[in-house]
């Protein structure tokens, strides 16, 4: 599902945010200057990662003509034709 909905970038950004959070906490423990900046960067990365992961849900394609039913349909890699199916 991660590959189908193209959430790889979101996961990478969230992991970078978590790593930045850990670095900020280590810097705070050793009382190094600049830990607030790293903490702010961590927060921004986590928010951006969350927004990127919500993007496919917000812009899902409507399945029926009335617009009452909405489903997530990942983008097909290639169109399957009768020649390739057999």
Protein backbone atom coordinates (compact mmCIF):
# COMPACT_ATOMS: atom_id res chain seq x y z
CA UNK A 1 0.00 0.00 0.00
CA UNK A 2 2.88 2.34 0.72
CA UNK A 3 4.25 1.74 -2.75
CA UNK A 4 0.84 1.96 -4.46
CA UNK A 5 -0.16 5.26 -2.87
CA UNK A 6 3.38 6.65 -3.24
CA UNK A 7 3.92 7.26 0.47
CA UNK A 8 7.65 6.55 0.37
CA UNK A 9 8.52 10.26 0.55
CA UNK A 10 6.20 10.74 3.53
CA UNK A 11 7.81 7.90 5.45
CA UNK A 12 11.30 9.23 4.72
CA UNK A 13 10.33 12.71 5.94
CA UNK A 14 8.73 11.31 9.10
CA UNK A 15 11.82 9.20 9.85
CA UNK A 16 14.02 12.28 9.36
CA UNK A 17 11.76 14.17 11.77
CA UNK A 18 12.11 11.45 14.39
CA UNK A 19 15.90 11.40 13.97
CA UNK A 20 16.00 15.18 14.34
CA UNK A 21 13.89 14.89 17.50
CA UNK A 22 16.33 12.37 18.98
CA UNK A 23 19.27 14.62 18.08
CA UNK A 24 17.52 17.61 19.69
CA UNK A 25 16.91 15.68 22.91
CA UNK A 26 20.56 14.55 23.02
CA UNK A 27 21.71 18.13 22.43
CA UNK A 28 19.40 19.32 25.22
CA UNK A 29 20.76 16.71 27.62
CA UNK A 30 24.35 17.81 26.99
CA UNK A 31 23.27 21.47 27.10
CA UNK A 32 24.50 22.31 23.62
CA UNK A 33 23.43 25.49 21.91
CA UNK A 34 20.98 25.22 19.03
CA UNK A 35 18.82 22.39 20.32
CA UNK A 36 15.73 24.58 19.91
CA UNK A 37 16.46 25.02 16.21
CA UNK A 38 16.86 21.27 15.69
CA UNK A 39 13.62 20.70 17.62
CA UNK A 40 11.82 23.19 15.35
CA UNK A 41 13.21 21.44 12.26
CA UNK A 42 11.97 18.14 13.67
CA UNK A 43 8.49 19.54 14.15
CA UNK A 44 8.37 20.94 10.63
CA UNK A 45 9.51 17.61 9.16
CA UNK A 46 6.87 15.69 11.12
CA UNK A 47 4.10 18.08 10.02
CA UNK A 48 5.19 17.93 6.37
CA UNK A 49 5.36 14.13 6.52
CA UNK A 50 1.85 13.98 7.94
CA UNK A 51 0.51 16.29 5.22
CA UNK A 52 2.19 14.25 2.49
CA UNK A 53 0.66 11.05 3.87
CA UNK A 54 -2.82 12.61 3.99
CA UNK A 55 -2.60 13.90 0.40
CA UNK A 56 -3.90 10.69 -1.31
CA UNK A 57 -6.89 10.61 1.03
CA UNK A 58 -7.85 14.22 0.38
CA UNK A 59 -7.62 13.91 -3.39
CA UNK A 60 -9.14 10.44 -3.83
CA UNK A 61 -11.02 9.72 -7.04
CA UNK A 62 -14.79 9.46 -6.95
CA UNK A 63 -16.02 6.07 -8.14
CA UNK A 64 -19.68 6.69 -8.90
CA UNK A 65 -21.23 9.52 -10.91
CA UNK A 66 -23.28 10.85 -8.00
CA UNK A 67 -20.17 11.50 -5.94
CA UNK A 68 -21.53 9.73 -2.89
CA UNK A 69 -19.00 6.91 -2.81
CA UNK A 70 -15.27 7.70 -2.73
CA UNK A 71 -12.55 5.06 -2.87
CA UNK A 72 -8.79 5.23 -2.96
CA UNK A 73 -7.57 3.94 -6.28
CA UNK A 74 -3.80 3.77 -6.71
CA UNK A 75 -2.44 4.83 -10.05
CA UNK A 76 -2.00 1.81 -12.29
CA UNK A 77 1.57 1.16 -13.38
CA UNK A 78 0.64 -0.10 -16.83
CA UNK A 79 -2.61 -0.75 -18.57
CA UNK A 80 -3.28 -4.47 -18.75
CA UNK A 81 -4.23 -5.56 -22.24
CA UNK A 82 -5.43 -8.91 -23.49
CA UNK A 83 -2.05 -9.63 -25.08
CA UNK A 84 -0.07 -9.19 -21.87
CA UNK A 85 -2.67 -11.02 -19.76
CA UNK A 86 -2.40 -14.23 -21.80
